[in-house]
Amino acid sequence: GIYDWSGTNPMPPEMLLLPSFLPIHLGKVLCYCRMVYLPMSYLYGKRFVGPITPLILKLREELHLQPYEKINWNKTR
């Protein structure tokens, strides 16, 4: 809830379904990259956002220079 999903680069979970003969198949990348990509792509696909608590609201105020609602998230990529 501190950073909007539209401000991140796409990580489609469908990449995991590509056939293994393709050069960009995840089975051909470093193990560490797969371990990071798998959970992040799942969360990206679900667009998971935790509960917005008072702590999250305070962190938004502290970390962002402008109000959270006015940030152009597409420009932050």
PDB file of N, CA and C in Angstrom:
ATOM      1  N   GLY A   1       0.789  -1.193   0.000  1.00  0.00           N
ATOM      2  CA  GLY A   1       0.000   0.000   0.000  1.00  0.00           C
ATOM      3  C   GLY A   1       0.835   1.263   0.000  1.00  0.00           C
ATOM      4  N   ILE A   2       2.152   1.134   0.131  1.00  0.00           N
ATOM      5  CA  ILE A   2       3.004   2.318   0.131  1.00  0.00           C
ATOM      6  C   ILE A   2       3.354   2.725  -1.292  1.00  0.00           C
ATOM      7  N   TYR A   3       3.444   1.760  -2.185  1.00  0.00           N
ATOM      8  CA  TYR A   3       3.810   2.016  -3.582  1.00  0.00           C
ATOM      9  C   TYR A   3       2.759   1.356  -4.464  1.00  0.00           C
ATOM     10  N   ASP A   4       2.262   2.085  -5.447  1.00  0.00           N
ATOM     11  CA  ASP A   4       1.194   1.562  -6.302  1.00  0.00           C
ATOM     12  C   ASP A   4       1.742   0.595  -7.349  1.00  0.00           C
ATOM     13  N   TRP A   5       0.967  -0.429  -7.685  1.00  0.00           N
ATOM     14  CA  TRP A   5       1.408  -1.419  -8.671  1.00  0.00           C
ATOM     15  C   TRP A   5       1.626  -0.810 -10.048  1.00  0.00           C
ATOM     16  N   SER A   6       0.906   0.242 -10.394  1.00  0.00           N
ATOM     17  CA  SER A   6       1.089   0.843 -11.720  1.00  0.00           C
ATOM     18  C   SER A   6       2.433   1.547 -11.850  1.00  0.00           C
ATOM     19  N   GLY A   7       3.170   1.699 -10.754  1.00  0.00           N
ATOM     20  CA  GLY A   7       4.502   2.291 -10.797  1.00  0.00           C
ATOM     21  C   GLY A   7       5.608   1.273 -10.966  1.00  0.00           C
ATOM     22  N   THR A   8       5.266   0.004 -11.055  1.00  0.00           N
ATOM     23  CA  THR A   8       6.287  -1.037 -11.216  1.00  0.00           C
ATOM     24  C   THR A   8       6.328  -1.527 -12.659  1.00  0.00           C
ATOM     25  N   ASN A   9       7.461  -2.058 -13.039  1.00  0.00           N
ATOM     26  CA  ASN A   9       7.567  -2.665 -14.363  1.00  0.00           C
ATOM     27  C   ASN A   9       6.787  -3.977 -14.361  1.00  0.00           C
ATOM     28  N   PRO A  10       6.148  -4.313 -15.476  1.00  0.00           N
ATOM     29  CA  PRO A  10       5.347  -5.540 -15.530  1.00  0.00           C
ATOM     30  C   PRO A  10       6.180  -6.795 -15.277  1.00  0.00           C
ATOM     31  N   MET A  11       5.612  -7.698 -14.500  1.00  0.00           N
ATOM     32  CA  MET A  11       6.205  -9.014 -14.246  1.00  0.00           C
ATOM     33  C   MET A  11       5.106 -10.051 -14.419  1.00  0.00           C
ATOM     34  N   PRO A  12       4.717 -10.330 -15.646  1.00  0.00           N
ATOM     35  CA  PRO A  12       3.573 -11.220 -15.851  1.00  0.00           C
ATOM     36  C   PRO A  12       3.861 -12.651 -15.402  1.00  0.00           C
ATOM     37  N   PRO A  13       2.971 -13.235 -14.609  1.00  0.00           N
ATOM     38  CA  PRO A  13       3.163 -14.623 -14.187  1.00  0.00           C
ATOM     39  C   PRO A  13       3.082 -15.605 -15.351  1.00  0.00           C
ATOM     40  N   GLU A  14       2.520 -15.175 -16.470  1.00  0.00           N
ATOM     41  CA  GLU A  14       2.421 -16.047 -17.642  1.00  0.00           C
ATOM     42  C   GLU A  14       3.792 -16.415 -18.215  1.00  0.00           C
ATOM     43  N   MET A  15       4.831 -15.672 -17.841  1.00  0.00           N
ATOM     44  CA  MET A  15       6.190 -16.005 -18.294  1.00  0.00           C
ATOM     45  C   MET A  15       6.571 -17.419 -17.869  1.00  0.00           C
ATOM     46  N   LEU A  16       5.993 -17.881 -16.766  1.00  0.00           N
ATOM     47  CA  LEU A  16       6.304 -19.221 -16.265  1.00  0.00           C
ATOM     48  C   LEU A  16       5.703 -20.313 -17.146  1.00  0.00           C
ATOM     49  N   LEU A  17       4.759 -19.957 -17.995  1.00  0.00           N
ATOM     50  CA  LEU A  17       4.085 -20.937 -18.849  1.00  0.00           C
ATOM     51  C   LEU A  17       4.710 -21.063 -20.235  1.00  0.00           C
ATOM     52  N   LEU A  18       5.744 -20.273 -20.506  1.00  0.00           N
ATOM     53  CA  LEU A  18       6.382 -20.332 -21.822  1.00  0.00           C
ATOM     54  C   LEU A  18       7.046 -21.685 -22.032  1.00  0.00           C
ATOM     55  N   PRO A  19       7.101 -22.169 -23.269  1.00  0.00           N
ATOM     56  CA  PRO A  19       7.760 -23.451 -23.532  1.00  0.00           C
ATOM     57  C   PRO A  19       9.263 -23.366 -23.260  1.00  0.00           C
ATOM     58  N   SER A  20       9.835 -24.475 -22.826  1.00  0.00           N
ATOM     59  CA  SER A  20      11.236 -24.487 -22.387  1.00  0.00           C
ATOM     60  C   SER A  20      12.237 -24.303 -23.521  1.00  0.00           C
ATOM     61  N   PHE A  21      11.822 -24.459 -24.775  1.00  0.00           N
ATOM     62  CA  PHE A  21      12.782 -24.286 -25.872  1.00  0.00           C
ATOM     63  C   PHE A  21      13.060 -22.811 -26.183  1.00  0.00           C
ATOM     64  N   LEU A  22      12.275 -21.905 -25.625  1.00  0.00           N
ATOM     65  CA  LEU A  22      12.504 -20.482 -25.872  1.00  0.00           C
ATOM     66  C   LEU A  22      13.721 -19.987 -25.089  1.00  0.00           C
ATOM     67  N   PRO A  23      14.480 -19.067 -25.662  1.00  0.00           N
ATOM     68  CA  PRO A  23      15.673 -18.576 -24.965  1.00  0.00           C
ATOM     69  C   PRO A  23      15.361 -17.759 -23.716  1.00  0.00           C
ATOM     70  N   ILE A  24      14.125 -17.257 -23.581  1.00  0.00           N
ATOM     71  CA  ILE A  24      13.787 -16.467 -22.397  1.00  0.00           C
ATOM     72  C   ILE A  24      13.052 -17.287 -21.337  1.00  0.00           C
ATOM     73  N   HIS A  25      13.066 -18.592 -21.459  1.00  0.00           N
ATOM     74  CA  HIS A  25      12.402 -19.453 -20.474  1.00  0.00           C
ATOM     75  C   HIS A  25      13.087 -19.287 -19.120  1.00  0.00           C
ATOM     76  N   LEU A  26      12.299 -19.236 -18.055  1.00  0.00           N
ATOM     77  CA  LEU A  26      12.864 -18.992 -16.728  1.00  0.00           C
ATOM     78  C   LEU A  26      13.733 -20.135 -16.222  1.00  0.00           C
ATOM     79  N   GLY A  27      13.627 -21.301 -16.812  1.00  0.00           N
ATOM     80  CA  GLY A  27      14.506 -22.404 -16.432  1.00  0.00           C
ATOM     81  C   GLY A  27      15.941 -22.186 -16.869  1.00  0.00           C
ATOM     82  N   LYS A  28      16.150 -21.198 -17.726  1.00  0.00           N
ATOM     83  CA  LYS A  28      17.491 -20.925 -18.240  1.00  0.00           C
ATOM     84  C   LYS A  28      18.161 -19.739 -17.558  1.00  0.00           C
ATOM     85  N   VAL A  29      17.529 -19.188 -16.551  1.00  0.00           N
ATOM     86  CA  VAL A  29      18.130 -18.061 -15.839  1.00  0.00           C
ATOM     87  C   VAL A  29      18.657 -18.533 -14.491  1.00  0.00           C
ATOM     88  N   LEU A  30      19.460 -17.694 -13.888  1.00  0.00           N
ATOM     89  CA  LEU A  30      20.061 -17.996 -12.601  1.00  0.00           C
ATOM     90  C   LEU A  30      18.984 -18.357 -11.572  1.00  0.00           C
ATOM     91  N   CYS A  31      19.272 -19.300 -10.720  1.00  0.00           N
ATOM     92  CA  CYS A  31      18.309 -19.780  -9.722  1.00  0.00           C
ATOM     93  C   CYS A  31      17.788 -18.638  -8.855  1.00  0.00           C
ATOM     94  N   TYR A  32      18.682 -17.734  -8.453  1.00  0.00           N
ATOM     95  CA  TYR A  32      18.268 -16.613  -7.612  1.00  0.00           C
ATOM     96  C   TYR A  32      17.202 -15.778  -8.321  1.00  0.00           C
ATOM     97  N   CYS A  33      17.382 -15.552  -9.612  1.00  0.00           N
ATOM     98  CA  CYS A  33      16.402 -14.768 -10.378  1.00  0.00           C
ATOM     99  C   CYS A  33      15.039 -15.454 -10.391  1.00  0.00           C
ATOM    100  N   ARG A  34      15.034 -16.767 -10.543  1.00  0.00           N
ATOM    101  CA  ARG A  34      13.759 -17.509 -10.525  1.00  0.00           C
ATOM    102  C   ARG A  34      13.099 -17.413  -9.160  1.00  0.00           C
ATOM    103  N   MET A  35      13.902 -17.521  -8.099  1.00  0.00           N
ATOM    104  CA  MET A  35      13.340 -17.480  -6.743  1.00  0.00           C
ATOM    105  C   MET A  35      12.736 -16.115  -6.432  1.00  0.00           C
ATOM    106  N   VAL A  36      13.251 -15.059  -7.028  1.00  0.00           N
ATOM    107  CA  VAL A  36      12.694 -13.724  -6.831  1.00  0.00           C
ATOM    108  C   VAL A  36      11.499 -13.509  -7.756  1.00  0.00           C
ATOM    109  N   TYR A  37      11.627 -13.946  -9.013  1.00  0.00           N
ATOM    110  CA  TYR A  37      10.592 -13.686 -10.009  1.00  0.00           C
ATOM    111  C   TYR A  37       9.286 -14.415  -9.695  1.00  0.00           C
ATOM    112  N   LEU A  38       9.361 -15.640  -9.257  1.00  0.00           N
ATOM    113  CA  LEU A  38       8.150 -16.432  -9.023  1.00  0.00           C
ATOM    114  C   LEU A  38       7.196 -15.766  -8.027  1.00  0.00           C
ATOM    115  N   PRO A  39       7.621 -15.453  -6.797  1.00  0.00           N
ATOM    116  CA  PRO A  39       6.657 -14.823  -5.876  1.00  0.00           C
ATOM    117  C   PRO A  39       6.269 -13.409  -6.295  1.00  0.00           C
ATOM    118  N   MET A  40       7.217 -12.658  -6.870  1.00  0.00           N
ATOM    119  CA  MET A  40       6.890 -11.296  -7.284  1.00  0.00           C
ATOM    120  C   MET A  40       5.881 -11.290  -8.433  1.00  0.00           C
ATOM    121  N   SER A  41       6.017 -12.232  -9.358  1.00  0.00           N
ATOM    122  CA  SER A  41       5.065 -12.273 -10.470  1.00  0.00           C
ATOM    123  C   SER A  41       3.682 -12.710  -9.982  1.00  0.00           C
ATOM    124  N   TYR A  42       3.645 -13.579  -8.977  1.00  0.00           N
ATOM    125  CA  TYR A  42       2.355 -13.977  -8.401  1.00  0.00           C
ATOM    126  C   TYR A  42       1.669 -12.761  -7.775  1.00  0.00           C
ATOM    127  N   LEU A  43       2.425 -12.010  -6.969  1.00  0.00           N
ATOM    128  CA  LEU A  43       1.860 -10.820  -6.331  1.00  0.00           C
ATOM    129  C   LEU A  43       1.464  -9.775  -7.367  1.00  0.00           C
ATOM    130  N   TYR A  44       2.268  -9.642  -8.413  1.00  0.00           N
ATOM    131  CA  TYR A  44       1.943  -8.690  -9.479  1.00  0.00           C
ATOM    132  C   TYR A  44       0.647  -9.105 -10.184  1.00  0.00           C
ATOM    133  N   GLY A  45       0.499 -10.385 -10.456  1.00  0.00           N
ATOM    134  CA  GLY A  45      -0.713 -10.871 -11.111  1.00  0.00           C
ATOM    135  C   GLY A  45      -1.957 -10.655 -10.266  1.00  0.00           C
ATOM    136  N   LYS A  46      -1.827 -10.811  -8.954  1.00  0.00           N
ATOM    137  CA  LYS A  46      -2.955 -10.610  -8.036  1.00  0.00           C
ATOM    138  C   LYS A  46      -3.162  -9.143  -7.690  1.00  0.00           C
ATOM    139  N   ARG A  47      -2.140  -8.313  -7.941  1.00  0.00           N
ATOM    140  CA  ARG A  47      -2.133  -6.899  -7.527  1.00  0.00           C
ATOM    141  C   ARG A  47      -2.435  -6.797  -6.026  1.00  0.00           C
ATOM    142  N   PHE A  48      -1.739  -7.637  -5.275  1.00  0.00           N
ATOM    143  CA  PHE A  48      -1.970  -7.724  -3.832  1.00  0.00           C
ATOM    144  C   PHE A  48      -1.637  -6.405  -3.143  1.00  0.00           C
ATOM    145  N   VAL A  49      -2.516  -5.968  -2.265  1.00  0.00           N
ATOM    146  CA  VAL A  49      -2.281  -4.802  -1.412  1.00  0.00           C
ATOM    147  C   VAL A  49      -2.752  -5.180  -0.019  1.00  0.00           C
ATOM    148  N   GLY A  50      -1.878  -5.017   0.943  1.00  0.00           N
ATOM    149  CA  GLY A  50      -2.236  -5.317   2.326  1.00  0.00           C
ATOM    150  C   GLY A  50      -3.198  -4.274   2.872  1.00  0.00           C
ATOM    151  N   PRO A  51      -3.633  -4.473   4.098  1.00  0.00           N
ATOM    152  CA  PRO A  51      -4.554  -3.508   4.700  1.00  0.00           C
ATOM    153  C   PRO A  51      -3.875  -2.143   4.869  1.00  0.00           C
ATOM    154  N   ILE A  52      -4.619  -1.088   4.604  1.00  0.00           N
ATOM    155  CA  ILE A  52      -4.102   0.273   4.749  1.00  0.00           C
ATOM    156  C   ILE A  52      -4.324   0.697   6.200  1.00  0.00           C
ATOM    157  N   THR A  53      -3.269   0.628   6.970  1.00  0.00           N
ATOM    158  CA  THR A  53      -3.312   0.954   8.394  1.00  0.00           C
ATOM    159  C   THR A  53      -2.814   2.385   8.605  1.00  0.00           C
ATOM    160  N   PRO A  54      -2.978   2.926   9.803  1.00  0.00           N
ATOM    161  CA  PRO A  54      -2.419   4.257  10.077  1.00  0.00           C
ATOM    162  C   PRO A  54      -0.903   4.319   9.843  1.00  0.00           C
ATOM    163  N   LEU A  55      -0.199   3.222  10.094  1.00  0.00           N
ATOM    164  CA  LEU A  55       1.242   3.193   9.842  1.00  0.00           C
ATOM    165  C   LEU A  55       1.535   3.355   8.350  1.00  0.00           C
ATOM    166  N   ILE A  56       0.780   2.683   7.503  1.00  0.00           N
ATOM    167  CA  ILE A  56       0.957   2.798   6.053  1.00  0.00           C
ATOM    168  C   ILE A  56       0.704   4.234   5.609  1.00  0.00           C
ATOM    169  N   LEU A  57      -0.322   4.858   6.141  1.00  0.00           N
ATOM    170  CA  LEU A  57      -0.628   6.243   5.774  1.00  0.00           C
ATOM    171  C   LEU A  57       0.498   7.182   6.184  1.00  0.00           C
ATOM    172  N   LYS A  58       1.069   6.974   7.363  1.00  0.00           N
ATOM    173  CA  LYS A  58       2.197   7.806   7.821  1.00  0.00           C
ATOM    174  C   LYS A  58       3.431   7.575   6.953  1.00  0.00           C
ATOM    175  N   LEU A  59       3.684   6.325   6.574  1.00  0.00           N
ATOM    176  CA  LEU A  59       4.826   6.037   5.704  1.00  0.00           C
ATOM    177  C   LEU A  59       4.647   6.692   4.335  1.00  0.00           C
ATOM    178  N   ARG A  60       3.430   6.698   3.824  1.00  0.00           N
ATOM    179  CA  ARG A  60       3.161   7.376   2.551  1.00  0.00           C
ATOM    180  C   ARG A  60       3.518   8.856   2.647  1.00  0.00           C
ATOM    181  N   GLU A  61       3.121   9.488   3.756  1.00  0.00           N
ATOM    182  CA  GLU A  61       3.425  10.908   3.952  1.00  0.00           C
ATOM    183  C   GLU A  61       4.928  11.145   4.040  1.00  0.00           C
ATOM    184  N   GLU A  62       5.626  10.261   4.743  1.00  0.00           N
ATOM    185  CA  GLU A  62       7.048  10.450   4.990  1.00  0.00           C
ATOM    186  C   GLU A  62       7.905  10.149   3.756  1.00  0.00           C
ATOM    187  N   LEU A  63       7.537   9.151   2.974  1.00  0.00           N
ATOM    188  CA  LEU A  63       8.386   8.697   1.878  1.00  0.00           C
ATOM    189  C   LEU A  63       8.158   9.429   0.563  1.00  0.00           C
ATOM    190  N   HIS A  64       6.976   9.944   0.334  1.00  0.00           N
ATOM    191  CA  HIS A  64       6.661  10.585  -0.941  1.00  0.00           C
ATOM    192  C   HIS A  64       6.656  12.101  -0.780  1.00  0.00           C
ATOM    193  N   LEU A  65       7.194  12.802  -1.778  1.00  0.00           N
ATOM    194  CA  LEU A  65       7.297  14.259  -1.721  1.00  0.00           C
ATOM    195  C   LEU A  65       5.967  14.959  -1.972  1.00  0.00           C
ATOM    196  N   GLN A  66       5.086  14.316  -2.693  1.00  0.00           N
ATOM    197  CA  GLN A  66       3.770  14.897  -2.959  1.00  0.00           C
ATOM    198  C   GLN A  66       2.692  13.962  -2.422  1.00  0.00           C
ATOM    199  N   PRO A  67       1.461  14.439  -2.307  1.00  0.00           N
ATOM    200  CA  PRO A  67       0.397  13.568  -1.791  1.00  0.00           C
ATOM    201  C   PRO A  67       0.267  12.286  -2.621  1.00  0.00           C
ATOM    202  N   TYR A  68       0.031  11.190  -1.945  1.00  0.00           N
ATOM    203  CA  TYR A  68      -0.029   9.867  -2.582  1.00  0.00           C
ATOM    204  C   TYR A  68      -1.030   9.832  -3.725  1.00  0.00           C
ATOM    205  N   GLU A  69      -2.170  10.468  -3.553  1.00  0.00           N
ATOM    206  CA  GLU A  69      -3.238  10.435  -4.552  1.00  0.00           C
ATOM    207  C   GLU A  69      -2.862  11.198  -5.820  1.00  0.00           C
ATOM    208  N   LYS A  70      -1.892  12.114  -5.745  1.00  0.00           N
ATOM    209  CA  LYS A  70      -1.527  12.944  -6.898  1.00  0.00           C
ATOM    210  C   LYS A  70      -0.293  12.441  -7.633  1.00  0.00           C
ATOM    211  N   ILE A  71       0.300  11.355  -7.195  1.00  0.00           N
ATOM    212  CA  ILE A  71       1.506  10.832  -7.837  1.00  0.00           C
ATOM    213  C   ILE A  71       1.131  10.180  -9.160  1.00  0.00           C
ATOM    214  N   ASN A  72       1.872  10.519 -10.209  1.00  0.00           N
ATOM    215  CA  ASN A  72       1.690   9.879 -11.515  1.00  0.00           C
ATOM    216  C   ASN A  72       2.560   8.622 -11.515  1.00  0.00           C
ATOM    217  N   TRP A  73       1.969   7.491 -11.193  1.00  0.00           N
ATOM    218  CA  TRP A  73       2.737   6.257 -11.007  1.00  0.00           C
ATOM    219  C   TRP A  73       3.352   5.757 -12.304  1.00  0.00           C
ATOM    220  N   ASN A  74       2.731   6.022 -13.436  1.00  0.00           N
ATOM    221  CA  ASN A  74       3.306   5.581 -14.713  1.00  0.00           C
ATOM    222  C   ASN A  74       4.636   6.264 -14.997  1.00  0.00           C
ATOM    223  N   LYS A  75       4.818   7.483 -14.515  1.00  0.00           N
ATOM    224  CA  LYS A  75       6.083   8.194 -14.712  1.00  0.00           C
ATOM    225  C   LYS A  75       7.193   7.653 -13.813  1.00  0.00           C
ATOM    226  N   THR A  76       6.848   6.963 -12.765  1.00  0.00           N
ATOM    227  CA  THR A  76       7.861   6.490 -11.816  1.00  0.00           C
ATOM    228  C   THR A  76       8.569   5.226 -12.269  1.00  0.00           C
ATOM    229  N   ARG A  77       8.136   4.623 -13.342  1.00  0.00           N
ATOM    230  CA  ARG A  77       8.787   3.403 -13.835  1.00  0.00           C
ATOM    231  C   ARG A  77      10.186   3.676 -14.291  1.00  0.00           C
TER     232      ARG A  77
END
